[in-house]
PDB file of N, CA and C in Angstrom:
ATOM      1  N   MET A   1      24.620 -20.199  18.644  1.00  0.00           N
ATOM      2  CA  MET A   1      23.563 -20.953  18.829  1.00  0.00           C
ATOM      3  C   MET A   1      22.642 -20.547  19.654  1.00  0.00           C
ATOM      4  N   MET A   2      22.894 -20.145  20.663  1.00  0.00           N
ATOM      5  CA  MET A   2      22.239 -19.349  21.562  1.00  0.00           C
ATOM      6  C   MET A   2      21.218 -18.571  21.433  1.00  0.00           C
ATOM      7  N   GLU A   3      22.764 -17.424  20.578  1.00  0.00           N
ATOM      8  CA  GLU A   3      21.798 -16.390  20.632  1.00  0.00           C
ATOM      9  C   GLU A   3      20.972 -16.412  19.359  1.00  0.00           C
ATOM     10  N   ARG A   4      20.435 -17.364  18.242  1.00  0.00           N
ATOM     11  CA  ARG A   4      19.430 -17.612  17.235  1.00  0.00           C
ATOM     12  C   ARG A   4      18.409 -18.062  18.034  1.00  0.00           C
ATOM     13  N   ILE A   5      18.378 -19.263  19.300  1.00  0.00           N
ATOM     14  CA  ILE A   5      17.166 -19.979  20.317  1.00  0.00           C
ATOM     15  C   ILE A   5      16.519 -18.119  20.322  1.00  0.00           C
ATOM     16  N   ASN A   6      17.869 -17.292  21.280  1.00  0.00           N
ATOM     17  CA  ASN A   6      17.032 -16.514  21.783  1.00  0.00           C
ATOM     18  C   ASN A   6      16.321 -15.521  20.911  1.00  0.00           C
ATOM     19  N   THR A   7      16.580 -15.305  19.726  1.00  0.00           N
ATOM     20  CA  THR A   7      15.880 -14.794  18.430  1.00  0.00           C
ATOM     21  C   THR A   7      14.855 -14.890  17.699  1.00  0.00           C
ATOM     22  N   LYS A   8      14.803 -16.928  18.229  1.00  0.00           N
ATOM     23  CA  LYS A   8      13.373 -17.020  17.960  1.00  0.00           C
ATOM     24  C   LYS A   8      12.440 -17.374  19.033  1.00  0.00           C
ATOM     25  N   LEU A   9      12.762 -17.534  20.050  1.00  0.00           N
ATOM     26  CA  LEU A   9      12.162 -17.039  21.582  1.00  0.00           C
ATOM     27  C   LEU A   9      11.076 -15.749  21.258  1.00  0.00           C
ATOM     28  N   TYR A  10      12.312 -14.352  20.814  1.00  0.00           N
ATOM     29  CA  TYR A  10      12.116 -13.340  20.880  1.00  0.00           C
ATOM     30  C   TYR A  10      10.421 -12.874  19.748  1.00  0.00           C
ATOM     31  N   LEU A  11      10.937 -13.877  18.453  1.00  0.00           N
ATOM     32  CA  LEU A  11      10.333 -13.253  17.903  1.00  0.00           C
ATOM     33  C   LEU A  11       8.632 -14.387  17.786  1.00  0.00           C
ATOM     34  N   GLU A  12       9.113 -14.765  18.403  1.00  0.00           N
ATOM     35  CA  GLU A  12       7.653 -15.735  19.294  1.00  0.00           C
ATOM     36  C   GLU A  12       6.422 -15.003  19.445  1.00  0.00           C
ATOM     37  N   ASN A  13       7.336 -14.639  20.574  1.00  0.00           N
ATOM     38  CA  ASN A  13       6.425 -13.643  21.933  1.00  0.00           C
ATOM     39  C   ASN A  13       6.348 -12.838  21.287  1.00  0.00           C
ATOM     40  N   CYS A  14       7.389 -12.085  20.550  1.00  0.00           N
ATOM     41  CA  CYS A  14       5.932 -10.704  19.550  1.00  0.00           C
ATOM     42  C   CYS A  14       4.528 -10.600  19.150  1.00  0.00           C
ATOM     43  N   TYR A  15       5.252 -12.375  18.061  1.00  0.00           N
ATOM     44  CA  TYR A  15       3.951 -12.945  17.391  1.00  0.00           C
ATOM     45  C   TYR A  15       2.456 -12.788  19.306  1.00  0.00           C
ATOM     46  N   ILE A  16       3.249 -13.058  19.600  1.00  0.00           N
ATOM     47  CA  ILE A  16       1.937 -13.847  21.193  1.00  0.00           C
ATOM     48  C   ILE A  16       1.644 -12.314  20.953  1.00  0.00           C
ATOM     49  N   MET A  17       2.592 -11.548  21.405  1.00  0.00           N
ATOM     50  CA  MET A  17       1.635 -10.404  21.835  1.00  0.00           C
ATOM     51  C   MET A  17       1.119  -9.695  21.135  1.00  0.00           C
ATOM     52  N   ALA A  18       1.473  -9.519  19.576  1.00  0.00           N
ATOM     53  CA  ALA A  18       0.472  -9.043  18.752  1.00  0.00           C
ATOM     54  C   ALA A  18      -1.504  -9.853  18.832  1.00  0.00           C
ATOM     55  N   GLU A  19      -1.066 -11.288  18.651  1.00  0.00           N
ATOM     56  CA  GLU A  19      -2.173 -12.052  18.764  1.00  0.00           C
ATOM     57  C   GLU A  19      -3.147 -11.622  20.321  1.00  0.00           C
ATOM     58  N   ASN A  20      -2.057 -11.620  20.917  1.00  0.00           N
ATOM     59  CA  ASN A  20      -2.816 -10.868  22.200  1.00  0.00           C
ATOM     60  C   ASN A  20      -3.330  -9.651  21.987  1.00  0.00           C
ATOM     61  N   GLU A  21      -2.728  -8.282  21.727  1.00  0.00           N
ATOM     62  CA  GLU A  21      -3.325  -7.417  21.743  1.00  0.00           C
ATOM     63  C   GLU A  21      -4.866  -7.420  20.453  1.00  0.00           C
ATOM     64  N   ARG A  22      -4.932  -8.120  19.874  1.00  0.00           N
ATOM     65  CA  ARG A  22      -5.353  -8.106  18.444  1.00  0.00           C
ATOM     66  C   ARG A  22      -7.019  -8.835  19.102  1.00  0.00           C
ATOM     67  N   LEU A  23      -7.015 -10.166  20.422  1.00  0.00           N
ATOM     68  CA  LEU A  23      -8.176 -10.890  20.721  1.00  0.00           C
ATOM     69  C   LEU A  23      -8.261 -10.003  21.793  1.00  0.00           C
ATOM     70  N   ARG A  24      -7.549  -8.751  22.385  1.00  0.00           N
ATOM     71  CA  ARG A  24      -8.091  -7.905  23.466  1.00  0.00           C
ATOM     72  C   ARG A  24      -9.179  -6.713  22.817  1.00  0.00           C
ATOM     73  N   LYS A  25      -8.871  -6.302  21.146  1.00  0.00           N
ATOM     74  CA  LYS A  25      -9.667  -5.354  20.800  1.00  0.00           C
ATOM     75  C   LYS A  25     -10.970  -6.367  20.445  1.00  0.00           C
ATOM     76  N   LYS A  26     -10.765  -7.279  20.161  1.00  0.00           N
ATOM     77  CA  LYS A  26     -11.750  -7.787  19.636  1.00  0.00           C
ATOM     78  C   LYS A  26     -12.685  -8.294  20.629  1.00  0.00           C
ATOM     79  N   ALA A  27     -12.239  -8.650  21.652  1.00  0.00           N
ATOM     80  CA  ALA A  27     -12.999  -9.296  23.301  1.00  0.00           C
ATOM     81  C   ALA A  27     -14.325  -7.805  23.530  1.00  0.00           C
ATOM     82  N   GLU A  28     -12.782  -6.530  23.066  1.00  0.00           N
ATOM     83  CA  GLU A  28     -13.478  -5.004  24.022  1.00  0.00           C
ATOM     84  C   GLU A  28     -14.765  -4.729  22.323  1.00  0.00           C
ATOM     85  N   VAL A  29     -14.647  -5.455  21.133  1.00  0.00           N
ATOM     86  CA  VAL A  29     -15.764  -4.455  20.947  1.00  0.00           C
ATOM     87  C   VAL A  29     -16.970  -5.815  20.992  1.00  0.00           C
ATOM     88  N   LEU A  30     -16.778  -7.101  20.625  1.00  0.00           N
ATOM     89  CA  LEU A  30     -17.999  -7.951  20.949  1.00  0.00           C
ATOM     90  C   LEU A  30     -18.588  -8.175  22.991  1.00  0.00           C
ATOM     91  N   ASN A  31     -18.463  -6.850  23.565  1.00  0.00           N
ATOM     92  CA  ASN A  31     -18.421  -6.609  25.147  1.00  0.00           C
ATOM     93  C   ASN A  31     -18.917  -5.458  24.720  1.00  0.00           C
ATOM     94  N   GLN A  32     -18.687  -4.935  23.917  1.00  0.00           N
ATOM     95  CA  GLN A  32     -19.867  -3.520  23.942  1.00  0.00           C
ATOM     96  C   GLN A  32     -21.160  -3.674  22.731  1.00  0.00           C
ATOM     97  N   GLU A  33     -20.743  -4.677  21.430  1.00  0.00           N
ATOM     98  CA  GLU A  33     -21.741  -5.376  21.345  1.00  0.00           C
ATOM     99  C   GLU A  33     -22.748  -6.383  22.360  1.00  0.00           C
ATOM    100  N   ASN A  34     -22.791  -6.382  23.113  1.00  0.00           N
ATOM    101  CA  ASN A  34     -23.430  -7.368  24.145  1.00  0.00           C
ATOM    102  C   ASN A  34     -24.199  -6.861  25.026  1.00  0.00           C
ATOM    103  N   ARG A  35     -23.776  -5.165  25.416  1.00  0.00           N
ATOM    104  CA  ARG A  35     -24.141  -4.643  25.964  1.00  0.00           C
ATOM    105  C   ARG A  35     -24.743  -4.030  25.244  1.00  0.00           C
ATOM    106  N   ALA A  36     -24.884  -3.280  24.706  1.00  0.00           N
ATOM    107  CA  ALA A  36     -25.693  -2.499  23.698  1.00  0.00           C
ATOM    108  C   ALA A  36     -26.955  -4.024  22.971  1.00  0.00           C
ATOM    109  N   LEU A  37     -26.619  -5.719  23.462  1.00  0.00           N
ATOM    110  CA  LEU A  37     -27.943  -6.212  22.758  1.00  0.00           C
ATOM    111  C   LEU A  37     -28.217  -5.934  24.368  1.00  0.00           C
ATOM    112  N   LEU A  38     -28.422  -6.447  24.856  1.00  0.00           N
ATOM    113  CA  LEU A  38     -28.921  -6.369  26.671  1.00  0.00           C
ATOM    114  C   LEU A  38     -29.658  -5.222  26.725  1.00  0.00           C
ATOM    115  N   ASN A  39     -29.212  -3.864  26.514  1.00  0.00           N
ATOM    116  CA  ASN A  39     -30.021  -2.552  26.744  1.00  0.00           C
ATOM    117  C   ASN A  39     -31.171  -2.952  25.991  1.00  0.00           C
ATOM    118  N   GLN A  40     -30.607  -3.076  24.927  1.00  0.00           N
ATOM    119  CA  GLN A  40     -32.249  -3.478  23.835  1.00  0.00           C
ATOM    120  C   GLN A  40     -33.310  -4.554  24.535  1.00  0.00           C
ATOM    121  N   LEU A  41     -32.892  -5.719  24.993  1.00  0.00           N
ATOM    122  CA  LEU A  41     -33.303  -6.554  25.495  1.00  0.00           C
ATOM    123  C   LEU A  41     -34.435  -6.246  26.577  1.00  0.00           C
ATOM    124  N   LYS A  42     -33.407  -5.697  27.413  1.00  0.00           N
ATOM    125  CA  LYS A  42     -34.144  -5.110  29.124  1.00  0.00           C
ATOM    126  C   LYS A  42     -35.559  -3.688  28.250  1.00  0.00           C
ATOM    127  N   ASN A  43     -34.498  -2.749  27.093  1.00  0.00           N
ATOM    128  CA  ASN A  43     -35.800  -2.368  26.669  1.00  0.00           C
ATOM    129  C   ASN A  43     -37.132  -2.660  26.528  1.00  0.00           C
ATOM    130  N   ARG A  44     -37.098  -4.052  25.758  1.00  0.00           N
ATOM    131  CA  ARG A  44     -38.556  -4.839  25.542  1.00  0.00           C
ATOM    132  C   ARG A  44     -38.903  -4.953  26.083  1.00  0.00           C
ATOM    133  N   LEU A  45     -38.006  -5.698  27.648  1.00  0.00           N
ATOM    134  CA  LEU A  45     -39.067  -6.365  28.003  1.00  0.00           C
ATOM    135  C   LEU A  45     -39.399  -5.331  29.835  1.00  0.00           C
ATOM    136  N   SER A  46     -38.838  -4.381  30.173  1.00  0.00           N
ATOM    137  CA  SER A  46     -39.538  -4.018  30.998  1.00  0.00           C
ATOM    138  C   SER A  46     -40.654  -2.949  30.319  1.00  0.00           C
ATOM    139  N   PRO A  47     -41.944  -2.936  31.860  1.00  0.00           N
ATOM    140  CA  PRO A  47     -42.831  -2.779  31.296  1.00  0.00           C
ATOM    141  C   PRO A  47     -43.055  -0.833  30.629  1.00  0.00           C
ATOM    142  N   GLN A  48     -44.343  -0.878  29.543  1.00  0.00           N
ATOM    143  CA  GLN A  48     -44.138   0.446  29.251  1.00  0.00           C
ATOM    144  C   GLN A  48     -45.151   1.474  30.349  1.00  0.00           C
ATOM    145  N   PRO A  49     -44.631   2.752  30.531  1.00  0.00           N
ATOM    146  CA  PRO A  49     -45.140   3.863  31.069  1.00  0.00           C
ATOM    147  C   PRO A  49     -46.868   3.957  30.253  1.00  0.00           C
ATOM    148  N   PRO A  50     -47.845   4.126  30.739  1.00  0.00           N
ATOM    149  CA  PRO A  50     -49.398   4.234  29.976  1.00  0.00           C
ATOM    150  C   PRO A  50     -49.397   5.244  28.805  1.00  0.00           C
ATOM    151  N   ALA A  51     -48.802   6.346  28.714  1.00  0.00           N
ATOM    152  CA  ALA A  51     -48.843   6.935  28.014  1.00  0.00           C
ATOM    153  C   ALA A  51     -48.275   6.341  26.529  1.00  0.00           C
ATOM    154  N   ALA A  52     -46.818   6.260  26.939  1.00  0.00           N
ATOM    155  CA  ALA A  52     -46.516   5.830  25.717  1.00  0.00           C
ATOM    156  C   ALA A  52     -47.066   3.997  25.055  1.00  0.00           C
ATOM    157  N   ALA A  53     -47.750   3.273  25.924  1.00  0.00           N
ATOM    158  CA  ALA A  53     -48.088   2.412  26.084  1.00  0.00           C
ATOM    159  C   ALA A  53     -49.606   2.682  24.275  1.00  0.00           C
ATOM    160  N   ALA A  54     -50.157   4.265  25.015  1.00  0.00           N
ATOM    161  CA  ALA A  54     -51.358   4.515  24.676  1.00  0.00           C
ATOM    162  C   ALA A  54     -50.142   5.122  23.233  1.00  0.00           C
ATOM    163  N   MET A  55     -49.617   5.532  23.217  1.00  0.00           N
ATOM    164  CA  MET A  55     -49.199   5.990  21.683  1.00  0.00           C
ATOM    165  C   MET A  55     -48.802   5.309  20.453  1.00  0.00           C
ATOM    166  N   THR A  56     -48.536   4.379  21.051  1.00  0.00           N
ATOM    167  CA  THR A  56     -48.126   2.968  20.513  1.00  0.00           C
ATOM    168  C   THR A  56     -49.309   2.380  19.892  1.00  0.00           C
ATOM    169  N   ASN A  57     -50.276   1.721  20.442  1.00  0.00           N
ATOM    170  CA  ASN A  57     -51.801   1.546  20.235  1.00  0.00           C
ATOM    171  C   ASN A  57     -52.117   2.813  19.039  1.00  0.00           C
ATOM    172  N   LYS A  58     -52.122   3.758  19.780  1.00  0.00           N
ATOM    173  CA  LYS A  58     -52.949   4.676  19.288  1.00  0.00           C
ATOM    174  C   LYS A  58     -51.895   4.824  17.293  1.00  0.00           C
ATOM    175  N   ASN A  59     -50.218   4.642  17.258  1.00  0.00           N
ATOM    176  CA  ASN A  59     -50.031   4.953  15.746  1.00  0.00           C
ATOM    177  C   ASN A  59     -50.016   3.087  15.040  1.00  0.00           C
ATOM    178  N   LYS A  60     -50.641   2.786  15.966  1.00  0.00           N
ATOM    179  CA  LYS A  60     -50.839   0.802  15.104  1.00  0.00           C
ATOM    180  C   LYS A  60     -52.084   1.107  14.525  1.00  0.00           C
ATOM    181  N   ASN A  61     -53.023   1.633  15.134  1.00  0.00           N
ATOM    182  CA  ASN A  61     -54.292   1.923  15.102  1.00  0.00           C
ATOM    183  C   ASN A  61     -54.230   3.004  13.925  1.00  0.00           C
ATOM    184  N   LYS A  62     -53.419   3.925  13.799  1.00  0.00           N
ATOM    185  CA  LYS A  62     -53.541   4.803  12.892  1.00  0.00           C
ATOM    186  C   LYS A  62     -52.888   4.285  11.110  1.00  0.00           C
ATOM    187  N   ASN A  63     -52.259   3.286  10.747  1.00  0.00           N
ATOM    188  CA  ASN A  63     -51.234   2.551  10.894  1.00  0.00           C
ATOM    189  C   ASN A  63     -52.442   1.552  10.076  1.00  0.00           C
ATOM    190  N   ALA A  64     -53.269   0.946  10.977  1.00  0.00           N
ATOM    191  CA  ALA A  64     -53.972   0.287  10.442  1.00  0.00           C
ATOM    192  C   ALA A  64     -55.426   1.090   9.109  1.00  0.00           C
ATOM    193  N   SER A  65     -55.667   1.681   9.257  1.00  0.00           N
ATOM    194  CA  SER A  65     -56.514   2.514   8.316  1.00  0.00           C
ATOM    195  C   SER A  65     -56.418   3.299   7.486  1.00  0.00           C
ATOM    196  N   ILE A  66     -55.198   3.144   7.285  1.00  0.00           N
ATOM    197  CA  ILE A  66     -54.261   3.371   5.775  1.00  0.00           C
ATOM    198  C   ILE A  66     -54.925   2.293   5.214  1.00  0.00           C
ATOM    199  N   PRO A  67     -55.830   2.847   3.904  1.00  0.00           N
ATOM    200  CA  PRO A  67     -55.720   1.865   3.101  1.00  0.00           C
ATOM    201  C   PRO A  67     -54.290   1.160   2.137  1.00  0.00           C
ATOM    202  N   ASP A  68     -54.644   0.325   1.419  1.00  0.00           N
ATOM    203  CA  ASP A  68     -53.405  -0.026   0.086  1.00  0.00           C
ATOM    204  C   ASP A  68     -53.803   0.321  -0.943  1.00  0.00           C
ATOM    205  N   LEU A  69     -53.735   1.510  -1.606  1.00  0.00           N
ATOM    206  CA  LEU A  69     -54.262   1.830  -2.769  1.00  0.00           C
ATOM    207  C   LEU A  69     -54.150   1.230  -4.161  1.00  0.00           C
ATOM    208  N   ASN A  70     -53.055   0.376  -4.318  1.00  0.00           N
ATOM    209  CA  ASN A  70     -52.852  -1.002  -5.232  1.00  0.00           C
ATOM    210  C   ASN A  70     -54.109  -2.235  -5.298  1.00  0.00           C
ATOM    211  N   LEU A  71     -54.187  -2.111  -3.996  1.00  0.00           N
ATOM    212  CA  LEU A  71     -55.166  -3.150  -4.123  1.00  0.00           C
ATOM    213  C   LEU A  71     -56.671  -2.496  -4.189  1.00  0.00           C
ATOM    214  N   ALA A  72     -56.541  -1.268  -4.356  1.00  0.00           N
ATOM    215  CA  ALA A  72     -58.229  -0.292  -4.537  1.00  0.00           C
ATOM    216  C   ALA A  72     -58.159  -0.341  -5.879  1.00  0.00           C
ATOM    217  N   ALA A  73     -56.869  -0.325  -6.726  1.00  0.00           N
ATOM    218  CA  ALA A  73     -57.186  -0.358  -8.408  1.00  0.00           C
ATOM    219  C   ALA A  73     -56.861  -1.577  -8.777  1.00  0.00           C
ATOM    220  N   ALA A  74     -56.376  -2.558  -8.299  1.00  0.00           N
ATOM    221  CA  ALA A  74     -56.620  -3.962  -8.571  1.00  0.00           C
ATOM    222  C   ALA A  74     -57.822  -4.661  -8.632  1.00  0.00           C
ATOM    223  N   ALA A  75     -58.835  -3.873  -7.606  1.00  0.00           N
ATOM    224  CA  ALA A  75     -60.084  -4.925  -7.260  1.00  0.00           C
ATOM    225  C   ALA A  75     -60.989  -3.935  -8.500  1.00  0.00           C
ATOM    226  N   ALA A  76     -60.894  -2.515  -8.894  1.00  0.00           N
ATOM    227  CA  ALA A  76     -61.634  -1.491  -9.524  1.00  0.00           C
ATOM    228  C   ALA A  76     -61.190  -2.361 -10.869  1.00  0.00           C
ATOM    229  N   PHE A  77     -59.830  -2.715 -11.669  1.00  0.00           N
ATOM    230  CA  PHE A  77     -60.040  -2.898 -12.377  1.00  0.00           C
ATOM    231  C   PHE A  77     -60.553  -4.142 -12.913  1.00  0.00           C
ATOM    232  N   SER A  78     -60.332  -5.172 -12.022  1.00  0.00           N
ATOM    233  CA  SER A  78     -60.780  -6.504 -11.952  1.00  0.00           C
ATOM    234  C   SER A  78     -62.480  -6.209 -11.933  1.00  0.00           C
ATOM    235  N   ASP A  79     -62.818  -5.213 -10.842  1.00  0.00           N
ATOM    236  CA  ASP A  79     -64.753  -5.809 -10.890  1.00  0.00           C
ATOM    237  C   ASP A  79     -65.318  -4.788 -12.878  1.00  0.00           C
ATOM    238  N   ALA A  80     -64.282  -4.051 -13.526  1.00  0.00           N
ATOM    239  CA  ALA A  80     -64.407  -3.280 -14.505  1.00  0.00           C
ATOM    240  C   ALA A  80     -64.456  -4.360 -15.399  1.00  0.00           C
ATOM    241  N   ALA A  81     -63.687  -4.668 -15.671  1.00  0.00           N
ATOM    242  CA  ALA A  81     -63.276  -6.511 -16.543  1.00  0.00           C
ATOM    243  C   ALA A  81     -64.244  -7.204 -16.507  1.00  0.00           C
ATOM    244  N   ALA A  82     -64.574  -7.652 -15.257  1.00  0.00           N
ATOM    245  CA  ALA A  82     -65.375  -8.640 -14.721  1.00  0.00           C
ATOM    246  C   ALA A  82     -67.132  -7.724 -15.845  1.00  0.00           C
ATOM    247  N   SER A  83     -67.747  -6.824 -15.537  1.00  0.00           N
ATOM    248  CA  SER A  83     -68.629  -6.345 -15.967  1.00  0.00           C
ATOM    249  C   SER A  83     -68.557  -5.844 -17.752  1.00  0.00           C
ATOM    250  N   SER A  84     -67.585  -5.425 -18.017  1.00  0.00           N
ATOM    251  CA  SER A  84     -67.460  -5.297 -19.264  1.00  0.00           C
ATOM    252  C   SER A  84     -67.697  -6.632 -20.604  1.00  0.00           C
ATOM    253  N   SER A  85     -66.955  -8.254 -19.371  1.00  0.00           N
ATOM    254  CA  SER A  85     -67.406  -9.566 -19.877  1.00  0.00           C
ATOM    255  C   SER A  85     -68.688  -9.851 -19.877  1.00  0.00           C
ATOM    256  N   SER A  86     -69.634  -9.161 -19.040  1.00  0.00           N
ATOM    257  CA  SER A  86     -71.005  -9.477 -18.682  1.00  0.00           C
ATOM    258  C   SER A  86     -71.664  -9.198 -19.832  1.00  0.00           C
ATOM    259  N   SER A  87     -71.135  -8.335 -19.838  1.00  0.00           N
ATOM    260  CA  SER A  87     -72.381  -7.165 -20.745  1.00  0.00           C
ATOM    261  C   SER A  87     -72.092  -7.446 -22.058  1.00  0.00           C
ATOM    262  N   LYS A  88     -71.313  -8.504 -22.641  1.00  0.00           N
ATOM    263  CA  LYS A  88     -70.834  -8.459 -24.297  1.00  0.00           C
ATOM    264  C   LYS A  88     -71.560  -9.944 -24.299  1.00  0.00           C
ATOM    265  N   SER A  89     -71.510 -10.107 -23.303  1.00  0.00           N
ATOM    266  CA  SER A  89     -72.298 -11.771 -23.334  1.00  0.00           C
ATOM    267  C   SER A  89     -73.923 -11.807 -23.140  1.00  0.00           C
ATOM    268  N   SER A  90     -74.364 -10.719 -22.324  1.00  0.00           N
ATOM    269  CA  SER A  90     -75.720 -10.253 -22.975  1.00  0.00           C
ATOM    270  C   SER A  90     -75.824 -10.071 -24.385  1.00  0.00           C
ATOM    271  N   PHE A  91     -74.904  -8.838 -24.465  1.00  0.00           N
ATOM    272  CA  PHE A  91     -75.608  -8.531 -26.355  1.00  0.00           C
ATOM    273  C   PHE A  91     -75.127  -9.886 -26.717  1.00  0.00           C
ATOM    274  N   LYS A  92     -74.927 -11.136 -26.843  1.00  0.00           N
ATOM    275  CA  LYS A  92     -74.727 -12.545 -27.675  1.00  0.00           C
ATOM    276  C   LYS A  92     -76.011 -13.205 -27.223  1.00  0.00           C
ATOM    277  N   ASN A  93     -77.278 -12.542 -25.705  1.00  0.00           N
ATOM    278  CA  ASN A  93     -78.467 -13.546 -25.979  1.00  0.00           C
ATOM    279  C   ASN A  93     -79.387 -12.710 -26.696  1.00  0.00           C
TER     280      ASN A  93
END
């Protein structure tokens, strides 16, 4: 009888130790993720040096000046369609 209780307690203890190890590993991963997120947040909130800020603004302006060729092609197509329909209507008169 005592041996059965002892075995049951031993197995329960093994289960608890395995669960403890699993939770410890999970906590370690979460801690690493939290540290990485904290570093990202600190980098975003820290003031940029003037040279880095100037490069960022320069890159933003550079990207803003690139035209969208798809929009230009669509506008040219709609202009051509409008002019052909207006020329057809002028022949009717």
